[in-house]
PDB file of all heavy atoms in Angstrom:
ATOM      1  N   HIS A   1       1.275   7.028   5.997  1.00  0.00           N
ATOM      2  CA  HIS A   1       2.369   5.991   5.699  1.00  0.00           C
ATOM      3  C   HIS A   1       3.370   6.644   4.834  1.00  0.00           C
ATOM      4  O   HIS A   1       3.007   7.079   3.715  1.00  0.00           O
ATOM      5  CB  HIS A   1       1.773   4.756   5.127  1.00  0.00           C
ATOM      6  CG  HIS A   1       2.839   3.707   4.818  1.00  0.00           C
ATOM      7  ND1 HIS A   1       3.175   2.713   5.684  1.00  0.00           N
ATOM      8  CD2 HIS A   1       3.629   3.534   3.725  1.00  0.00           C
ATOM      9  CE1 HIS A   1       4.128   1.981   5.173  1.00  0.00           C
ATOM     10  NE2 HIS A   1       4.478   2.435   3.967  1.00  0.00           N
ATOM     11  N   LYS A   2       4.629   6.653   5.225  1.00  0.00           N
ATOM     12  CA  LYS A   2       5.704   7.156   4.362  1.00  0.00           C
ATOM     13  C   LYS A   2       6.268   6.043   3.552  1.00  0.00           C
ATOM     14  O   LYS A   2       6.743   4.999   4.082  1.00  0.00           O
ATOM     15  CB  LYS A   2       6.794   7.813   5.188  1.00  0.00           C
ATOM     16  CG  LYS A   2       7.801   8.590   4.479  1.00  0.00           C
ATOM     17  CD  LYS A   2       8.735   9.307   5.357  1.00  0.00           C
ATOM     18  CE  LYS A   2       9.687  10.226   4.678  1.00  0.00           C
ATOM     19  NZ  LYS A   2      10.655  11.007   5.478  1.00  0.00           N
ATOM     20  N   VAL A   3       6.203   6.190   2.231  1.00  0.00           N
ATOM     21  CA  VAL A   3       6.710   5.158   1.311  1.00  0.00           C
ATOM     22  C   VAL A   3       8.223   4.965   1.412  1.00  0.00           C
ATOM     23  O   VAL A   3       8.928   5.964   1.317  1.00  0.00           O
ATOM     24  CB  VAL A   3       6.308   5.512  -0.163  1.00  0.00           C
ATOM     25  CG1 VAL A   3       6.731   4.388  -1.093  1.00  0.00           C
ATOM     26  CG2 VAL A   3       4.727   5.664  -0.233  1.00  0.00           C
ATOM     27  N   GLU A   4       8.614   3.751   1.621  1.00  0.00           N
ATOM     28  CA  GLU A   4       9.997   3.384   1.625  1.00  0.00           C
ATOM     29  C   GLU A   4      10.357   2.689   0.331  1.00  0.00           C
ATOM     30  O   GLU A   4       9.589   2.190  -0.391  1.00  0.00           O
ATOM     31  CB  GLU A   4      10.237   2.498   2.838  1.00  0.00           C
ATOM     32  CG  GLU A   4      10.006   3.110   4.219  1.00  0.00           C
ATOM     33  CD  GLU A   4      10.288   2.212   5.393  1.00  0.00           C
ATOM     34  OE1 GLU A   4      10.703   1.036   5.084  1.00  0.00           O
ATOM     35  OE2 GLU A   4      10.066   2.644   6.494  1.00  0.00           O
ATOM     36  N   ARG A   5      11.666   2.612   0.113  1.00  0.00           N
ATOM     37  CA  ARG A   5      12.260   2.085  -1.144  1.00  0.00           C
ATOM     38  C   ARG A   5      11.753   0.579  -1.231  1.00  0.00           C
ATOM     39  O   ARG A   5      11.823  -0.204  -0.264  1.00  0.00           O
ATOM     40  CB  ARG A   5      13.695   2.159  -1.188  1.00  0.00           C
ATOM     41  CG  ARG A   5      14.387   1.575  -2.443  1.00  0.00           C
ATOM     42  CD  ARG A   5      15.824   1.897  -2.527  1.00  0.00           C
ATOM     43  NE  ARG A   5      16.063   3.322  -2.529  1.00  0.00           N
ATOM     44  CZ  ARG A   5      17.241   3.885  -2.550  1.00  0.00           C
ATOM     45  NH1 ARG A   5      18.315   3.092  -2.518  1.00  0.00           N
ATOM     46  NH2 ARG A   5      17.434   5.162  -2.537  1.00  0.00           N
ATOM     47  N   GLY A   6      11.178   0.200  -2.418  1.00  0.00           N
ATOM     48  CA  GLY A   6      10.745  -1.120  -2.626  1.00  0.00           C
ATOM     49  C   GLY A   6       9.350  -1.358  -2.369  1.00  0.00           C
ATOM     50  O   GLY A   6       8.794  -2.422  -2.729  1.00  0.00           O
ATOM     51  N   GLU A   7       8.632  -0.476  -1.705  1.00  0.00           N
ATOM     52  CA  GLU A   7       7.213  -0.617  -1.372  1.00  0.00           C
ATOM     53  C   GLU A   7       6.382  -0.263  -2.651  1.00  0.00           C
ATOM     54  O   GLU A   7       6.708   0.608  -3.411  1.00  0.00           O
ATOM     55  CB  GLU A   7       6.813   0.287  -0.223  1.00  0.00           C
ATOM     56  CG  GLU A   7       7.253  -0.253   1.102  1.00  0.00           C
ATOM     57  CD  GLU A   7       6.657   0.501   2.300  1.00  0.00           C
ATOM     58  OE1 GLU A   7       6.659   1.740   2.203  1.00  0.00           O
ATOM     59  OE2 GLU A   7       6.369  -0.038   3.299  1.00  0.00           O
ATOM     60  N   THR A   8       5.308  -0.972  -2.725  1.00  0.00           N
ATOM     61  CA  THR A   8       4.320  -0.722  -3.812  1.00  0.00           C
ATOM     62  C   THR A   8       2.928  -0.476  -3.242  1.00  0.00           C
ATOM     63  O   THR A   8       2.738  -0.698  -2.051  1.00  0.00           O
ATOM     64  CB  THR A   8       4.206  -1.824  -4.884  1.00  0.00           C
ATOM     65  OG1 THR A   8       3.610  -3.002  -4.206  1.00  0.00           O
ATOM     66  CG2 THR A   8       5.575  -2.216  -5.341  1.00  0.00           C
ATOM     67  N   ALA A   9       2.034   0.062  -4.007  1.00  0.00           N
ATOM     68  CA  ALA A   9       0.632   0.290  -3.550  1.00  0.00           C
ATOM     69  C   ALA A   9       0.048  -1.096  -3.105  1.00  0.00           C
ATOM     70  O   ALA A   9      -0.751  -1.076  -2.179  1.00  0.00           O
ATOM     71  CB  ALA A   9      -0.154   0.889  -4.652  1.00  0.00           C
ATOM     72  N   PHE A  10       0.462  -2.135  -3.704  1.00  0.00           N
ATOM     73  CA  PHE A  10      -0.130  -3.459  -3.363  1.00  0.00           C
ATOM     74  C   PHE A  10       0.363  -3.933  -2.011  1.00  0.00           C
ATOM     75  O   PHE A  10      -0.358  -4.454  -1.244  1.00  0.00           O
ATOM     76  CB  PHE A  10       0.047  -4.423  -4.477  1.00  0.00           C
ATOM     77  CG  PHE A  10      -0.606  -4.141  -5.822  1.00  0.00           C
ATOM     78  CD1 PHE A  10       0.094  -3.359  -6.750  1.00  0.00           C
ATOM     79  CD2 PHE A  10      -1.913  -4.499  -5.994  1.00  0.00           C
ATOM     80  CE1 PHE A  10      -0.563  -3.019  -7.956  1.00  0.00           C
ATOM     81  CE2 PHE A  10      -2.545  -4.161  -7.206  1.00  0.00           C
ATOM     82  CZ  PHE A  10      -1.873  -3.460  -8.146  1.00  0.00           C
ATOM     83  N   THR A  11       1.715  -3.794  -1.850  1.00  0.00           N
ATOM     84  CA  THR A  11       2.180  -4.190  -0.536  1.00  0.00           C
ATOM     85  C   THR A  11       1.693  -3.347   0.649  1.00  0.00           C
ATOM     86  O   THR A  11       1.444  -3.813   1.751  1.00  0.00           O
ATOM     87  CB  THR A  11       3.801  -4.140  -0.488  1.00  0.00           C
ATOM     88  OG1 THR A  11       4.311  -2.787  -0.819  1.00  0.00           O
ATOM     89  CG2 THR A  11       4.341  -5.066  -1.602  1.00  0.00           C
ATOM     90  N   ILE A  12       1.556  -1.988   0.401  1.00  0.00           N
ATOM     91  CA  ILE A  12       1.006  -1.206   1.434  1.00  0.00           C
ATOM     92  C   ILE A  12      -0.353  -1.465   1.687  1.00  0.00           C
ATOM     93  O   ILE A  12      -0.910  -1.474   2.882  1.00  0.00           O
ATOM     94  CB  ILE A  12       1.217   0.336   1.068  1.00  0.00           C
ATOM     95  CG1 ILE A  12       2.778   0.659   0.914  1.00  0.00           C
ATOM     96  CG2 ILE A  12       0.578   1.240   2.018  1.00  0.00           C
ATOM     97  CD1 ILE A  12       3.068   1.988   0.372  1.00  0.00           C
ATOM     98  N   ALA A  13      -1.206  -1.748   0.670  1.00  0.00           N
ATOM     99  CA  ALA A  13      -2.637  -2.083   0.851  1.00  0.00           C
ATOM    100  C   ALA A  13      -2.723  -3.335   1.608  1.00  0.00           C
ATOM    101  O   ALA A  13      -3.620  -3.431   2.467  1.00  0.00           O
ATOM    102  CB  ALA A  13      -3.260  -2.199  -0.518  1.00  0.00           C
ATOM    103  N   ARG A  14      -1.883  -4.298   1.357  1.00  0.00           N
ATOM    104  CA  ARG A  14      -1.996  -5.540   2.047  1.00  0.00           C
ATOM    105  C   ARG A  14      -1.527  -5.385   3.473  1.00  0.00           C
ATOM    106  O   ARG A  14      -2.129  -5.979   4.436  1.00  0.00           O
ATOM    107  CB  ARG A  14      -1.012  -6.574   1.429  1.00  0.00           C
ATOM    108  CG  ARG A  14      -1.035  -7.967   2.043  1.00  0.00           C
ATOM    109  CD  ARG A  14      -0.125  -8.949   1.423  1.00  0.00           C
ATOM    110  NE  ARG A  14      -0.603  -9.266   0.116  1.00  0.00           N
ATOM    111  CZ  ARG A  14      -1.450 -10.302  -0.147  1.00  0.00           C
ATOM    112  NH1 ARG A  14      -1.881 -11.024   0.883  1.00  0.00           N
ATOM    113  NH2 ARG A  14      -1.790 -10.573  -1.366  1.00  0.00           N
ATOM    114  N   LEU A  15      -0.573  -4.507   3.819  1.00  0.00           N
ATOM    115  CA  LEU A  15      -0.159  -4.204   5.259  1.00  0.00           C
ATOM    116  C   LEU A  15      -1.304  -3.770   6.024  1.00  0.00           C
ATOM    117  O   LEU A  15      -1.507  -4.125   7.182  1.00  0.00           O
ATOM    118  CB  LEU A  15       0.984  -3.226   5.160  1.00  0.00           C
ATOM    119  CG  LEU A  15       1.474  -2.646   6.526  1.00  0.00           C
ATOM    120  CD1 LEU A  15       2.029  -3.774   7.412  1.00  0.00           C
ATOM    121  CD2 LEU A  15       2.489  -1.562   6.342  1.00  0.00           C
ATOM    122  N   TYR A  16      -2.127  -2.741   5.496  1.00  0.00           N
ATOM    123  CA  TYR A  16      -3.239  -2.207   6.213  1.00  0.00           C
ATOM    124  C   TYR A  16      -4.638  -2.860   5.915  1.00  0.00           C
ATOM    125  O   TYR A  16      -5.609  -2.377   6.409  1.00  0.00           O
ATOM    126  CB  TYR A  16      -3.306  -0.733   5.950  1.00  0.00           C
ATOM    127  CG  TYR A  16      -2.136  -0.011   6.452  1.00  0.00           C
ATOM    128  CD1 TYR A  16      -1.040   0.355   5.514  1.00  0.00           C
ATOM    129  CD2 TYR A  16      -1.923   0.334   7.797  1.00  0.00           C
ATOM    130  CE1 TYR A  16       0.069   1.013   6.026  1.00  0.00           C
ATOM    131  CE2 TYR A  16      -0.818   1.023   8.275  1.00  0.00           C
ATOM    132  CZ  TYR A  16       0.206   1.297   7.372  1.00  0.00           C
ATOM    133  OH  TYR A  16       1.316   2.049   7.784  1.00  0.00           O
ATOM    134  N   ASP A  17      -4.604  -3.912   5.139  1.00  0.00           N
ATOM    135  CA  ASP A  17      -5.847  -4.670   4.738  1.00  0.00           C
ATOM    136  C   ASP A  17      -6.918  -3.741   4.177  1.00  0.00           C
ATOM    137  O   ASP A  17      -8.040  -3.750   4.518  1.00  0.00           O
ATOM    138  CB  ASP A  17      -6.356  -5.388   6.035  1.00  0.00           C
ATOM    139  CG  ASP A  17      -7.308  -6.590   5.623  1.00  0.00           C
ATOM    140  OD1 ASP A  17      -7.201  -6.973   4.458  1.00  0.00           O
ATOM    141  OD2 ASP A  17      -8.016  -7.029   6.447  1.00  0.00           O
ATOM    142  N   VAL A  18      -6.474  -2.919   3.207  1.00  0.00           N
ATOM    143  CA  VAL A  18      -7.411  -2.186   2.389  1.00  0.00           C
ATOM    144  C   VAL A  18      -7.135  -2.552   0.976  1.00  0.00           C
ATOM    145  O   VAL A  18      -6.135  -3.141   0.648  1.00  0.00           O
ATOM    146  CB  VAL A  18      -7.161  -0.665   2.607  1.00  0.00           C
ATOM    147  CG1 VAL A  18      -7.420  -0.247   4.086  1.00  0.00           C
ATOM    148  CG2 VAL A  18      -5.758  -0.231   2.198  1.00  0.00           C
ATOM    149  N   SER A  19      -8.078  -2.214   0.092  1.00  0.00           N
ATOM    150  CA  SER A  19      -7.890  -2.484  -1.350  1.00  0.00           C
ATOM    151  C   SER A  19      -6.959  -1.515  -2.005  1.00  0.00           C
ATOM    152  O   SER A  19      -6.948  -0.384  -1.659  1.00  0.00           O
ATOM    153  CB  SER A  19      -9.296  -2.529  -2.004  1.00  0.00           C
ATOM    154  OG  SER A  19      -9.742  -1.226  -2.118  1.00  0.00           O
ATOM    155  N   PRO A  20      -6.186  -1.964  -2.950  1.00  0.00           N
ATOM    156  CA  PRO A  20      -5.296  -1.060  -3.718  1.00  0.00           C
ATOM    157  C   PRO A  20      -6.129   0.091  -4.374  1.00  0.00           C
ATOM    158  O   PRO A  20      -5.667   1.188  -4.390  1.00  0.00           O
ATOM    159  CB  PRO A  20      -4.622  -1.939  -4.763  1.00  0.00           C
ATOM    160  CG  PRO A  20      -4.656  -3.328  -4.164  1.00  0.00           C
ATOM    161  CD  PRO A  20      -5.910  -3.396  -3.317  1.00  0.00           C
ATOM    162  N   ARG A  21      -7.379  -0.304  -4.837  1.00  0.00           N
ATOM    163  CA  ARG A  21      -8.146   0.754  -5.478  1.00  0.00           C
ATOM    164  C   ARG A  21      -8.576   1.885  -4.527  1.00  0.00           C
ATOM    165  O   ARG A  21      -8.481   3.088  -4.867  1.00  0.00           O
ATOM    166  CB  ARG A  21      -9.479   0.106  -6.143  1.00  0.00           C
ATOM    167  CG  ARG A  21     -10.287   1.058  -6.850  1.00  0.00           C
ATOM    168  CD  ARG A  21     -11.477   0.410  -7.491  1.00  0.00           C
ATOM    169  NE  ARG A  21     -11.067  -0.590  -8.461  1.00  0.00           N
ATOM    170  CZ  ARG A  21     -10.703  -0.286  -9.714  1.00  0.00           C
ATOM    171  NH1 ARG A  21     -10.826   1.000 -10.089  1.00  0.00           N
ATOM    172  NH2 ARG A  21     -10.398  -1.171 -10.592  1.00  0.00           N
ATOM    173  N   SER A  22      -8.894   1.523  -3.328  1.00  0.00           N
ATOM    174  CA  SER A  22      -9.353   2.550  -2.387  1.00  0.00           C
ATOM    175  C   SER A  22      -8.098   3.414  -1.984  1.00  0.00           C
ATOM    176  O   SER A  22      -8.204   4.601  -1.776  1.00  0.00           O
ATOM    177  CB  SER A  22      -9.946   1.896  -1.130  1.00  0.00           C
ATOM    178  OG  SER A  22      -9.025   1.168  -0.439  1.00  0.00           O
ATOM    179  N   LEU A  23      -6.924   2.719  -1.834  1.00  0.00           N
ATOM    180  CA  LEU A  23      -5.696   3.484  -1.550  1.00  0.00           C
ATOM    181  C   LEU A  23      -5.356   4.466  -2.685  1.00  0.00           C
ATOM    182  O   LEU A  23      -5.048   5.576  -2.445  1.00  0.00           O
ATOM    183  CB  LEU A  23      -4.507   2.461  -1.415  1.00  0.00           C
ATOM    184  CG  LEU A  23      -3.204   3.090  -0.993  1.00  0.00           C
ATOM    185  CD1 LEU A  23      -3.285   3.573   0.432  1.00  0.00           C
ATOM    186  CD2 LEU A  23      -2.009   2.119  -1.147  1.00  0.00           C
ATOM    187  N   ALA A  24      -5.601   4.002  -3.888  1.00  0.00           N
ATOM    188  CA  ALA A  24      -5.338   4.896  -5.045  1.00  0.00           C
ATOM    189  C   ALA A  24      -6.370   6.113  -5.093  1.00  0.00           C
ATOM    190  O   ALA A  24      -5.999   7.226  -5.415  1.00  0.00           O
ATOM    191  CB  ALA A  24      -5.435   4.101  -6.373  1.00  0.00           C
TER     192      ALA A  24
END
C-alpha cells in the first residue's frame, strides 16, 4: 500500500481489517 496524503496507520489498518499494532 502506497501512503497517500492524509492517511494514517489507523485508517490504513481499518481499510484492510488488520490491527494498527500488526501494521506497525
